[in-house]
Protein backbone atom coordinates (compact mmCIF):
# COMPACT_ATOMS: atom_id res chain seq x y z
CA UNK A 1 8.89 -12.96 17.49
CA UNK A 2 5.88 -11.64 19.24
CA UNK A 3 7.43 -10.20 22.52
CA UNK A 4 6.22 -7.32 24.62
CA UNK A 5 8.42 -4.51 23.35
CA UNK A 6 8.61 -2.12 26.48
CA UNK A 7 9.80 -5.22 28.69
CA UNK A 8 12.61 -6.16 26.38
CA UNK A 9 14.41 -3.26 24.84
CA UNK A 10 16.17 -1.58 27.72
CA UNK A 11 18.06 -5.11 28.32
CA UNK A 12 19.30 -5.11 24.81
CA UNK A 13 20.86 -1.73 24.40
CA UNK A 14 24.29 -0.82 25.70
CA UNK A 15 24.76 2.37 27.71
CA UNK A 16 25.35 5.14 26.90
CA UNK A 17 24.35 5.45 23.10
CA UNK A 18 26.59 8.19 21.68
CA UNK A 19 26.45 10.83 18.95
CA UNK A 20 29.32 12.32 17.52
CA UNK A 21 29.74 16.34 18.66
CA UNK A 22 30.08 17.01 14.91
CA UNK A 23 26.90 15.18 14.00
CA UNK A 24 25.17 16.70 16.90
CA UNK A 25 25.84 20.04 16.06
CA UNK A 26 24.88 19.55 12.50
CA UNK A 27 21.36 17.95 13.65
CA UNK A 28 21.01 20.87 16.03
CA UNK A 29 21.72 23.65 13.62
CA UNK A 30 19.37 22.03 11.04
CA UNK A 31 16.76 21.77 13.61
CA UNK A 32 17.17 25.65 14.60
CA UNK A 33 17.19 26.59 11.05
CA UNK A 34 13.94 24.77 10.26
CA UNK A 35 12.29 25.88 13.42
CA UNK A 36 13.04 29.67 12.63
CA UNK A 37 11.80 29.13 9.30
CA UNK A 38 8.52 27.52 10.58
CA UNK A 39 8.23 30.66 12.90
CA UNK A 40 8.60 32.99 9.93
CA UNK A 41 6.01 31.26 7.78
CA UNK A 42 3.54 31.19 10.51
CA UNK A 43 4.16 35.12 11.44
CA UNK A 44 3.37 35.92 7.77
CA UNK A 45 0.53 33.43 7.37
CA UNK A 46 2.30 31.51 4.64
CA UNK A 47 2.54 27.97 6.32
CA UNK A 48 1.32 25.23 4.02
CA UNK A 49 -0.50 22.22 5.07
CA UNK A 50 1.92 19.18 5.61
CA UNK A 51 2.13 16.41 3.05
CA UNK A 52 1.28 14.02 5.80
CA UNK A 53 -2.20 12.81 4.99
CA UNK A 54 -3.21 13.22 8.91
CA UNK A 55 -3.06 16.99 8.26
CA UNK A 56 -4.99 17.43 4.97
CA UNK A 57 -8.46 18.32 6.57
CA UNK A 58 -9.55 21.88 6.06
CA UNK A 59 -9.62 22.38 9.89
CA UNK A 60 -5.83 22.26 10.26
CA UNK A 61 -5.44 25.10 7.54
CA UNK A 62 -8.06 27.12 9.17
CA UNK A 63 -6.21 26.80 12.63
CA UNK A 64 -2.90 28.57 12.53
CA UNK A 65 -1.80 27.43 16.09
CA UNK A 66 -2.68 23.81 15.04
CA UNK A 67 -0.98 24.03 11.61
CA UNK A 68 2.12 25.32 13.29
CA UNK A 69 1.96 22.25 15.93
CA UNK A 70 1.75 19.85 13.35
CA UNK A 71 4.85 21.22 11.57
CA UNK A 72 6.71 21.20 14.68
CA UNK A 73 5.88 17.53 15.41
CA UNK A 74 6.97 16.76 12.04
CA UNK A 75 10.43 18.75 12.45
CA UNK A 76 10.80 16.85 15.83
CA UNK A 77 10.16 13.53 14.02
CA UNK A 78 12.80 14.23 11.50
CA UNK A 79 15.37 15.51 14.13
CA UNK A 80 14.83 12.40 16.37
CA UNK A 81 15.30 10.18 13.44
CA UNK A 82 18.36 11.96 12.38
CA UNK A 83 19.62 11.18 15.85
CA UNK A 84 19.12 7.60 15.23
CA UNK A 85 20.95 7.53 12.15
CA UNK A 86 23.64 9.32 13.63
CA UNK A 87 23.96 7.09 16.86
CA UNK A 88 27.37 5.26 17.16
CA UNK A 89 25.70 1.81 17.77
CA UNK A 90 25.33 -1.56 15.91
CA UNK A 91 22.76 -2.20 13.17
CA UNK A 92 20.55 -4.41 15.28
CA UNK A 93 20.69 -1.63 18.19
CA UNK A 94 19.79 1.17 15.52
CA UNK A 95 16.95 -0.63 14.31
CA UNK A 96 15.50 -1.14 17.87
CA UNK A 97 16.18 2.62 18.61
CA UNK A 98 14.17 3.34 15.21
CA UNK A 99 11.39 1.25 16.30
CA UNK A 100 11.17 2.84 19.84
CA UNK A 101 11.41 6.41 18.41
CA UNK A 102 8.61 5.51 15.90
CA UNK A 103 6.35 4.26 18.57
CA UNK A 104 6.77 7.51 20.71
CA UNK A 105 6.26 9.78 17.64
CA UNK A 106 3.28 8.07 16.56
CA UNK A 107 1.71 7.99 20.06
CA UNK A 108 2.46 11.80 20.49
CA UNK A 109 0.92 12.88 17.19
CA UNK A 110 -1.26 16.02 17.50
CA UNK A 111 -4.04 14.31 15.75
CA UNK A 112 -4.38 11.72 18.59
CA UNK A 113 -5.46 14.21 21.36
CA UNK A 114 -8.70 16.37 21.49
CA UNK A 115 -6.83 19.60 22.72
CA UNK A 116 -4.51 19.39 19.37
CA UNK A 117 -6.81 18.18 16.80
CA UNK A 118 -8.97 20.87 15.22
CA UNK A 119 -10.82 18.61 12.98
CA UNK A 120 -12.11 16.59 16.11
CA UNK A 121 -12.76 19.83 17.67
CA UNK A 122 -14.87 21.09 14.90
CA UNK A 123 -16.68 17.79 14.65
CA UNK A 124 -17.56 17.98 18.34
CA UNK A 125 -19.03 21.62 17.88
CA UNK A 126 -21.03 20.84 14.80
CA UNK A 127 -22.50 17.61 16.52
CA UNK A 128 -23.15 19.37 19.85
CA UNK A 129 -20.98 17.02 21.63
CA UNK A 130 -22.50 14.05 20.20
CA UNK A 131 -19.21 12.84 18.42
CA UNK A 132 -17.56 12.47 21.75
CA UNK A 133 -20.48 10.86 23.33
CA UNK A 134 -20.67 8.29 20.44
CA UNK A 135 -16.48 8.07 20.86
CA UNK A 136 -17.17 7.15 24.60
CA UNK A 137 -19.65 4.54 23.77
CA UNK A 138 -17.14 2.98 21.23
CA UNK A 139 -14.41 2.88 23.96
CA UNK A 140 -16.71 1.33 26.51
CA UNK A 141 -17.57 -1.20 24.01
CA UNK A 142 -14.01 -2.06 23.04
CA UNK A 143 -13.08 -2.28 26.63
CA UNK A 144 -15.89 -4.86 27.08
CA UNK A 145 -14.40 -6.81 24.04
CA UNK A 146 -10.91 -6.44 25.21
CA UNK A 147 -9.55 -5.19 21.99
CA UNK A 148 -9.91 -2.21 19.50
CA UNK A 149 -12.53 -2.45 17.00
CA UNK A 150 -10.89 -2.07 13.16
CA UNK A 151 -14.16 -2.82 11.47
CA UNK A 152 -17.94 -3.26 11.80
CA UNK A 153 -17.74 -7.04 13.15
CA UNK A 154 -21.85 -7.22 13.12
CA UNK A 155 -21.69 -7.51 9.51
CA UNK A 156 -19.83 -10.49 9.08
CA UNK A 157 -20.73 -14.07 9.98
CA UNK A 158 -18.86 -17.23 9.22
CA UNK A 159 -20.66 -19.66 6.94
CA UNK A 160 -22.92 -16.83 5.98
CA UNK A 161 -20.99 -14.03 3.94
CA UNK A 162 -17.28 -14.95 4.75
CA UNK A 163 -16.03 -18.48 4.44
CA UNK A 164 -18.68 -19.63 2.40
CA UNK A 165 -17.36 -21.99 -0.35
CA UNK A 166 -19.29 -25.03 -0.22
CA UNK A 167 -17.44 -27.75 1.61
CA UNK A 168 -17.41 -30.60 4.37
CA UNK A 169 -15.29 -31.51 7.13
CA UNK A 170 -14.12 -34.86 6.47
CA UNK A 171 -11.48 -35.37 9.29
CA UNK A 172 -10.72 -33.77 12.60
CA UNK A 173 -8.28 -34.35 15.59
CA UNK A 174 -7.42 -32.17 18.53
CA UNK A 175 -5.23 -30.00 16.35
CA UNK A 176 -7.03 -29.56 13.02
CA UNK A 177 -10.19 -29.97 10.80
CA UNK A 178 -9.74 -30.71 7.33
CA UNK A 179 -12.36 -29.43 5.00
CA UNK A 180 -12.92 -30.89 1.31
CA UNK A 181 -14.54 -28.41 -0.88
CA UNK A 182 -17.40 -29.40 -3.22
CA UNK A 183 -16.32 -29.19 -6.98
CA UNK A 184 -17.81 -26.53 -9.12
CA UNK A 185 -16.72 -28.24 -12.36
CA UNK A 186 -18.09 -31.34 -14.15
CA UNK A 187 -14.28 -32.62 -14.13
CA UNK A 188 -11.59 -32.12 -11.84
CA UNK A 189 -7.82 -32.54 -11.79
CA UNK A 190 -6.95 -36.02 -10.43
CA UNK A 191 -4.24 -35.09 -7.91
CA UNK A 192 -5.81 -32.81 -5.19
CA UNK A 193 -4.48 -29.36 -3.60
CA UNK A 194 -4.03 -29.37 0.05
CA UNK A 195 -3.76 -25.77 1.61
CA UNK A 196 -1.95 -25.35 4.81
CA UNK A 197 -2.84 -21.82 6.28
CA UNK A 198 -0.93 -20.06 9.29
CA UNK A 199 -1.84 -21.44 12.59
CA UNK A 200 -1.53 -18.08 14.02
CA UNK A 201 -4.65 -16.95 12.13
CA UNK A 202 -7.87 -18.56 11.06
CA UNK A 203 -7.98 -20.14 7.66
CA UNK A 204 -10.66 -18.11 5.99
CA UNK A 205 -8.15 -15.39 4.73
CA UNK A 206 -7.98 -17.87 2.18
CA UNK A 207 -11.91 -17.87 1.69
CA UNK A 208 -13.40 -14.49 2.77
CA UNK A 209 -16.17 -13.57 0.37
CA UNK A 210 -16.92 -15.47 -3.24
CA UNK A 211 -15.35 -12.42 -5.14
CA UNK A 212 -12.10 -12.63 -3.37
CA UNK A 213 -11.84 -16.17 -2.31
CA UNK A 214 -8.54 -18.07 -3.11
CA UNK A 215 -10.15 -21.31 -2.43
CA UNK A 216 -13.44 -20.74 -4.65
CA UNK A 217 -10.96 -19.48 -7.57
CA UNK A 218 -8.98 -22.75 -7.17
CA UNK A 219 -12.13 -24.91 -7.23
CA UNK A 220 -13.33 -23.02 -10.29
CA UNK A 221 -10.18 -24.07 -11.92
CA UNK A 222 -11.13 -27.68 -11.61
CA UNK A 223 -9.18 -28.76 -8.48
CA UNK A 224 -10.20 -30.80 -5.67
CA UNK A 225 -9.07 -28.61 -2.66
CA UNK A 226 -8.62 -29.59 0.87
CA UNK A 227 -7.79 -27.12 3.63
CA UNK A 228 -6.75 -27.34 7.19
CA UNK A 229 -8.73 -25.45 9.86
CA UNK A 230 -6.31 -25.33 12.67
CA UNK A 231 -7.85 -25.75 16.01
CA UNK A 232 -7.97 -22.52 18.54
CA UNK A 233 -6.83 -23.66 21.76
CA UNK A 234 -8.63 -22.34 24.92
CA UNK A 235 -7.25 -22.28 28.51
CA UNK A 236 -8.89 -25.34 30.24
CA UNK A 237 -9.62 -27.38 27.09
CA UNK A 238 -10.04 -30.93 28.58
CA UNK A 239 -7.88 -32.66 25.92
CA UNK A 240 -4.89 -30.36 26.45
CA UNK A 241 -4.02 -28.74 23.25
CA UNK A 242 -1.87 -26.26 25.18
CA UNK A 243 0.62 -28.96 25.19
CA UNK A 244 0.94 -29.54 21.56
CA UNK A 245 4.57 -29.42 20.15
CA UNK A 246 6.22 -28.43 16.69
CA UNK A 247 6.37 -32.23 16.13
CA UNK A 248 2.59 -32.59 16.70
CA UNK A 249 1.73 -29.89 14.27
CA UNK A 250 3.79 -31.71 11.64
CA UNK A 251 2.65 -35.31 12.41
CA UNK A 252 -1.01 -34.93 13.42
CA UNK A 253 -1.66 -31.56 11.43
CA UNK A 254 0.06 -31.37 8.13
CA UNK A 255 1.30 -34.92 7.38
CA UNK A 256 -2.21 -36.32 8.57
CA UNK A 257 -3.92 -33.84 6.11
CA UNK A 258 -1.80 -34.95 3.14
CA UNK A 259 -2.50 -38.70 3.95
CA UNK A 260 -6.20 -38.16 4.22
CA UNK A 261 -6.43 -36.15 0.94
CA UNK A 262 -4.44 -38.80 -0.65
CA UNK A 263 -6.60 -41.71 0.57
CA UNK A 264 -9.92 -39.80 -0.21
CA UNK A 265 -8.91 -39.08 -3.69
CA UNK A 266 -6.74 -42.46 -4.18
CA UNK A 267 -3.59 -40.40 -5.26
CA UNK A 268 -0.17 -41.65 -3.97
CA UNK A 269 0.87 -37.80 -4.05
CA UNK A 270 -0.86 -34.48 -3.72
CA UNK A 271 -0.09 -30.94 -4.40
CA UNK A 272 0.72 -28.86 -1.42
CA UNK A 273 0.36 -24.84 -0.49
CA UNK A 274 1.55 -23.34 2.49
CA UNK A 275 0.73 -19.76 3.49
CA UNK A 276 3.19 -17.77 5.92
CA UNK A 277 3.76 -19.99 8.76
CA UNK A 278 1.66 -22.69 6.99
CA UNK A 279 4.51 -22.93 4.45
CA UNK A 280 7.21 -23.31 7.14
CA UNK A 281 4.97 -26.20 8.57
CA UNK A 282 4.34 -27.65 5.08
CA UNK A 283 8.23 -27.75 4.08
CA UNK A 284 9.15 -29.05 7.62
CA UNK A 285 6.45 -31.77 7.47
CA UNK A 286 7.59 -32.94 4.03
CA UNK A 287 11.22 -32.79 4.93
CA UNK A 288 10.21 -35.29 7.98
CA UNK A 289 8.45 -37.52 5.44
CA UNK A 290 11.45 -37.40 3.10
CA UNK A 291 13.67 -38.41 6.07
CA UNK A 292 11.27 -41.67 6.40
CA UNK A 293 11.64 -42.35 2.85
CA UNK A 294 8.14 -41.10 2.07
CA UNK A 295 7.20 -38.58 -0.93
CA UNK A 296 3.85 -37.20 -0.20
CA UNK A 297 4.04 -34.02 -2.46
CA UNK A 298 4.12 -33.83 -6.26
CA UNK A 299 4.63 -29.97 -5.86
CA UNK A 300 5.18 -27.45 -3.42
CA UNK A 301 3.58 -23.68 -3.38
CA UNK A 302 5.00 -21.42 -0.69
CA UNK A 303 3.13 -18.01 -0.18
CA UNK A 304 4.98 -15.14 1.83
CA UNK A 305 7.01 -18.13 3.52
CA UNK A 306 10.17 -17.98 5.55
CA UNK A 307 12.39 -21.10 5.54
CA UNK A 308 15.77 -19.23 5.83
CA UNK A 309 15.27 -16.64 8.75
CA UNK A 310 18.29 -14.66 8.37
CA UNK A 311 16.22 -11.61 7.62
CA UNK A 312 12.89 -11.37 9.18
CA UNK A 313 12.45 -7.55 8.50
CA UNK A 314 10.98 -5.38 11.57
CA UNK A 315 10.43 -8.73 13.49
CA UNK A 316 14.39 -9.00 14.13
CA UNK A 317 14.07 -6.41 16.85
CA UNK A 318 11.66 -8.54 19.05
CA UNK A 319 14.22 -11.49 19.48
CA UNK A 320 17.15 -12.15 21.95
CA UNK A 321 18.31 -14.77 23.98
CA UNK A 322 16.84 -13.00 27.12
CA UNK A 323 13.18 -12.96 25.66
CA UNK A 324 13.55 -16.56 24.17
CA UNK A 325 14.56 -17.93 27.53
CA UNK A 326 11.77 -16.17 29.29
CA UNK A 327 9.28 -17.33 27.03
CA UNK A 328 10.51 -21.01 27.37
CA UNK A 329 10.44 -20.54 31.14
CA UNK A 330 6.70 -19.45 30.81
CA UNK A 331 5.32 -21.78 28.08
CA UNK A 332 7.62 -24.59 27.21
CA UNK A 333 5.94 -27.02 29.31
CA UNK A 334 2.49 -25.99 28.50
CA UNK A 335 0.24 -22.91 28.47
CA UNK A 336 -0.88 -20.50 25.49
CA UNK A 337 0.43 -17.78 23.64
CA UNK A 338 -2.53 -15.61 23.68
CA UNK A 339 -4.22 -14.03 20.44
CA UNK A 340 -4.50 -10.75 22.19
CA UNK A 341 -0.88 -10.56 22.75
CA UNK A 342 -0.12 -11.66 19.15
CA UNK A 343 -2.49 -9.23 17.66
CA UNK A 344 -1.11 -6.48 19.71
CA UNK A 345 2.47 -6.88 18.69
CA UNK A 346 1.47 -7.08 15.08
CA UNK A 347 -0.62 -3.99 15.24
CA UNK A 348 2.18 -2.16 16.87
CA UNK A 349 4.41 -2.82 13.89
CA UNK A 350 2.41 -0.22 11.79
CA UNK A 351 0.93 1.72 14.90
CA UNK A 352 -0.16 4.81 12.79
CA UNK A 353 -2.31 2.59 10.47
CA UNK A 354 -3.47 -0.03 12.84
CA UNK A 355 -3.76 1.78 16.36
CA UNK A 356 -3.88 5.39 16.47
CA UNK A 357 -6.00 5.68 13.17
CA UNK A 358 -8.73 3.85 15.18
CA UNK A 359 -8.23 5.89 18.42
CA UNK A 360 -9.02 9.04 16.32
CA UNK A 361 -11.82 7.92 14.29
CA UNK A 362 -13.46 5.54 16.73
CA UNK A 363 -13.02 7.48 19.93
CA UNK A 364 -12.19 11.13 19.12
CA UNK A 365 -14.56 11.33 16.27
CA UNK A 366 -17.19 8.85 17.48
CA UNK A 367 -17.28 7.14 13.70
CA UNK A 368 -18.37 3.57 13.39
CA UNK A 369 -15.56 1.42 11.73
CA UNK A 370 -16.71 0.52 8.08
CA UNK A 371 -17.58 -3.07 7.19
CA UNK A 372 -14.09 -4.77 5.66
CA UNK A 373 -13.87 -8.59 5.56
CA UNK A 374 -9.91 -8.59 5.64
CA UNK A 375 -10.18 -6.51 9.07
CA UNK A 376 -13.00 -8.68 10.43
CA UNK A 377 -10.45 -11.66 9.69
CA UNK A 378 -7.51 -9.74 11.38
CA UNK A 379 -9.67 -9.27 14.57
CA UNK A 380 -10.18 -12.93 14.81
CA UNK A 381 -7.02 -14.23 16.09
CA UNK A 382 -5.93 -17.49 17.59
CA UNK A 383 -4.14 -18.74 20.68
CA UNK A 384 -0.82 -20.85 20.21
CA UNK A 385 0.11 -23.96 22.35
CA UNK A 386 3.16 -22.64 24.18
CA UNK A 387 5.48 -25.70 23.46
CA UNK A 388 4.92 -25.10 19.96
CA UNK A 389 5.44 -21.48 20.18
CA UNK A 390 8.74 -21.64 22.09
CA UNK A 391 10.13 -24.30 19.77
CA UNK A 392 9.41 -22.10 16.83
CA UNK A 393 10.70 -18.89 18.28
CA UNK A 394 14.16 -20.47 19.32
CA UNK A 395 14.60 -22.60 16.20
CA UNK A 396 13.63 -20.33 13.44
CA UNK A 397 13.69 -16.64 14.49
CA UNK A 398 16.35 -16.92 16.90
CA UNK A 399 18.84 -19.75 15.85
CA UNK A 400 17.82 -20.11 12.40
CA UNK A 401 18.39 -23.80 12.48
CA UNK A 402 15.89 -24.99 9.86
CA UNK A 403 18.33 -24.10 7.07
CA UNK A 404 20.93 -26.26 8.37
CA UNK A 405 20.81 -29.81 6.96
CA UNK A 406 20.24 -32.24 9.78
CA UNK A 407 20.63 -29.80 12.57
CA UNK A 408 17.06 -30.02 13.76
CA UNK A 409 15.54 -33.57 14.57
CA UNK A 410 11.85 -34.26 14.83
CA UNK A 411 10.94 -37.80 16.25
CA UNK A 412 14.39 -39.06 15.75
CA UNK A 413 14.66 -37.90 12.06
CA UNK A 414 16.92 -34.88 10.93
CA UNK A 415 15.19 -32.26 8.85
CA UNK A 416 17.00 -31.45 5.53
CA UNK A 417 15.09 -28.91 3.29
CA UNK A 418 17.39 -29.79 0.43
CA UNK A 419 15.65 -33.02 0.08
CA UNK A 420 12.82 -31.32 -1.21
CA UNK A 421 13.42 -31.90 -5.00
CA UNK A 422 9.78 -31.62 -6.19
CA UNK A 423 8.86 -28.40 -8.23
CA UNK A 424 8.17 -25.52 -6.17
CA UNK A 425 6.32 -22.25 -6.61
CA UNK A 426 7.65 -19.35 -4.39
CA UNK A 427 5.41 -16.15 -4.07
CA UNK A 428 6.53 -13.04 -2.18
CA UNK A 429 5.02 -9.51 -1.83
CA UNK A 430 7.18 -6.50 -2.59
CA UNK A 431 6.05 -4.54 0.45
CA UNK A 432 5.84 -7.38 2.87
CA UNK A 433 7.01 -6.16 6.28
CA UNK A 434 6.48 -9.38 7.93
CA UNK A 435 8.34 -11.59 5.33
CA UNK A 436 10.67 -9.35 3.12
CA UNK A 437 10.64 -10.47 -0.50
CA UNK A 438 14.38 -11.12 -0.48
CA UNK A 439 13.97 -13.18 2.55
CA UNK A 440 11.20 -15.37 0.89
CA UNK A 441 13.79 -15.74 -2.27
CA UNK A 442 16.24 -17.47 0.03
CA UNK A 443 13.87 -20.33 -0.06
CA UNK A 444 15.11 -20.88 -3.76
CA UNK A 445 18.89 -21.56 -2.39
CA UNK A 446 17.46 -24.34 0.12
CA UNK A 447 15.24 -26.47 -2.31
CA UNK A 448 16.56 -28.22 -5.01
CA UNK A 449 13.82 -29.00 -7.51
CA UNK A 450 12.84 -26.76 -10.16
CA UNK A 451 11.86 -23.39 -8.67
CA UNK A 452 9.68 -20.43 -10.06
CA UNK A 453 9.93 -17.36 -7.99
CA UNK A 454 7.23 -14.71 -8.34
CA UNK A 455 6.83 -11.07 -6.56
CA UNK A 456 3.65 -9.55 -6.18
CA UNK A 457 2.88 -5.90 -5.47
CA UNK A 458 1.43 -4.70 -2.03
CA UNK A 459 2.03 -6.34 1.24
CA UNK A 460 1.81 -9.68 3.39
CA UNK A 461 -2.07 -10.26 2.96
CA UNK A 462 -3.07 -7.81 0.32
CA UNK A 463 -0.59 -9.12 -2.19
CA UNK A 464 -1.76 -12.58 -1.72
CA UNK A 465 -5.63 -11.86 -1.70
CA UNK A 466 -5.71 -10.42 -5.35
CA UNK A 467 -8.20 -11.95 -7.54
CA UNK A 468 -7.88 -11.77 -11.13
CA UNK A 469 -11.35 -10.18 -11.78
CA UNK A 470 -10.36 -6.83 -9.64
CA UNK A 471 -7.60 -6.44 -12.25
CA UNK A 472 -5.47 -4.89 -9.45
CA UNK A 473 -1.61 -4.52 -8.86
CA UNK A 474 1.01 -6.46 -10.76
CA UNK A 475 3.71 -8.96 -10.39
CA UNK A 476 7.40 -9.73 -11.32
CA UNK A 477 8.54 -12.97 -12.70
CA UNK A 478 11.36 -14.08 -15.15
CA UNK A 479 10.59 -16.86 -17.72
CA UNK A 480 10.41 -20.40 -16.53
CA UNK A 481 11.98 -21.79 -13.46
CA UNK A 482 15.22 -22.13 -11.94
CA UNK A 483 16.53 -25.64 -13.07
CA UNK A 484 16.57 -28.45 -10.73
CA UNK A 485 20.10 -28.54 -9.13
CA UNK A 486 20.94 -25.16 -10.49
CA UNK A 487 21.83 -22.49 -7.88
CA UNK A 488 19.75 -19.59 -7.51
CA UNK A 489 21.18 -16.25 -8.56
CA UNK A 490 21.33 -13.25 -5.98
CA UNK A 491 18.01 -11.81 -5.28
CA UNK A 492 19.12 -8.42 -6.84
CA UNK A 493 20.10 -10.33 -10.19
CA UNK A 494 16.81 -12.11 -10.10
CA UNK A 495 15.00 -8.63 -9.83
CA UNK A 496 17.03 -6.85 -12.40
CA UNK A 497 15.92 -9.75 -14.89
CA UNK A 498 12.28 -9.99 -13.95
CA UNK A 499 9.52 -8.51 -15.98
CA UNK A 500 6.45 -6.74 -14.48
CA UNK A 501 3.01 -7.77 -15.61
CA UNK A 502 -0.16 -6.01 -14.81
CA UNK A 503 -3.03 -7.67 -12.84
CA UNK A 504 -3.09 -10.80 -10.38
CA UNK A 505 -0.44 -13.48 -10.14
CA UNK A 506 -2.99 -16.01 -9.43
CA UNK A 507 -3.38 -16.96 -13.28
CA UNK A 508 0.42 -17.44 -13.48
CA UNK A 509 0.51 -19.84 -10.74
CA UNK A 510 -2.70 -21.54 -11.91
CA UNK A 511 -0.85 -22.26 -15.20
CA UNK A 512 2.07 -23.76 -13.46
CA UNK A 513 -0.17 -25.86 -11.09
CA UNK A 514 -2.07 -27.19 -13.87
CA UNK A 515 1.20 -28.86 -15.08
CA UNK A 516 1.21 -30.96 -11.82
CA UNK A 517 -2.21 -31.62 -11.14
CA UNK A 518 -3.00 -34.79 -13.50
CA UNK A 519 -5.56 -35.58 -15.83
CA UNK A 520 -9.07 -34.67 -15.73
CA UNK A 521 -11.70 -37.02 -14.41
CA UNK A 522 -15.17 -36.84 -13.43
CA UNK A 523 -15.82 -34.89 -10.40
CA UNK A 524 -16.57 -36.81 -7.24
CA UNK A 525 -20.49 -37.09 -6.55
CA UNK A 526 -19.74 -36.65 -2.76
CA UNK A 527 -16.98 -35.96 -0.33
CA UNK A 528 -15.00 -38.20 1.87
CA UNK A 529 -15.12 -41.99 1.26
CA UNK A 530 -16.01 -44.85 3.31
CA UNK A 531 -13.16 -44.36 5.92
CA UNK A 532 -13.46 -40.62 6.13
CA UNK A 533 -17.03 -39.43 6.49
CA UNK A 534 -18.48 -36.17 6.70
CA UNK A 535 -18.48 -34.97 10.15
CA UNK A 536 -20.15 -31.36 9.50
CA UNK A 537 -20.45 -28.67 6.81
CA UNK A 538 -17.89 -26.11 6.20
CA UNK A 539 -16.70 -23.82 7.75
CA UNK A 540 -16.64 -26.42 10.44
CA UNK A 541 -16.90 -25.69 14.31
CA UNK A 542 -13.02 -25.24 14.86
CA UNK A 543 -12.87 -21.90 12.99
CA UNK A 544 -15.84 -20.49 15.01
CA UNK A 545 -14.15 -20.67 18.32
CA UNK A 546 -12.98 -16.98 19.23
CA UNK A 547 -10.04 -16.45 21.41
CA UNK A 548 -10.67 -15.30 24.95
């Protein structure tokens, strides 16, 4: 899933890659015609500024050579993509070609270099070279940090202006801390909500700042919220969390958190929410519990989660047998999949926005990146235990075993997602490039209880973090839920019937969850109980450990 692209692609392609003579002639003729047209427009001074937002600054219009160069680059990009479309290769190989061509094109954009970017040159002259001096300072600072700055990290501090919802750590083990949040209402629903965030990121994407905190919103709705804060393992940790397996995360992570929340609230069942990989973990853990005759969940919420990995979008190009074996040789017996490698891979899924944009602004223009809480979180990655990562890579992204009833065994029990017959709310994001919405919809075909499916606007993170007060975006849904035991319609049929509603999907989910949250009762005066005492205040110590 998170492979080094350059190391893997050459071994995955057949050679040679052919284009039919007819298609090649057509592409060449089209290129020559457009090339001649650009030269004529440049000669007559009628060349317009390209629609691409990278070339909108007045400096491009004022520099005929730079403007022509921008058009030539865009023309080359179209021709190269046409070659990929015309290549006589299989679908997977075509996608890998397309990805590699995209990387080369984004890296070669004339905006990325001092000699070919008139906007950077103009700023350099206007500042007497100070912009380049500041850019060099920014570059050296980032080299010292070992990563590219996407935001002004000095403006944020955990527990001060991000991850500030009041709560307490009421349990911890070598894998996780469990936070119980303080009530904000006089009465709370009897049944608590346990949130399982992805372990490849810090939990506070769900608790950024008060105005966009998913956690705070749910506490304000009268829910007792528990949330897992996954440990960020470091090289040399004495208790060897780098040896942790998928089974460990299910047993001592998810199921332990559900049990602690159940004990503290004295409820035989809790409501569970999983986000991204957290949803895969939660579903797997509950299926494991069901195999043992236990029913810890009253309802299940999955946010941008994959259970059926048949379609993983752009991430498909990163997985093949060679790479899986390589990772298993490296990490299956221990060690860490580093946050730095994970972050680099995800950034290069959208290099124009997440890599080269910052090269230009930070280093060529010498600008300080703005303060943005979501990008602060994005830069605060976590390491993953090698055995956990390699099991996950092979059994989900590569072999897609989780969807097959009983094919996977954890601690002697077969995993069958079809046993999950509790009410389920499944959320997807329309522009999600990590979990395509159609792939998230496939969960409706695996779970067997009543299922409500909702698709929100925007992408993997921004679609989820969409507080109602902002009155932004929209979501699509059909009335009610898919009834228990009824097969889900194809994704296209669902979309044809779905109606768009303006604003956040949070109220829709809150209304659904309230049906499964139990009666109201007096809010607890203090967190924990006699068995699970307060260990420290939220956000806790695990989340403050930065990857090295």
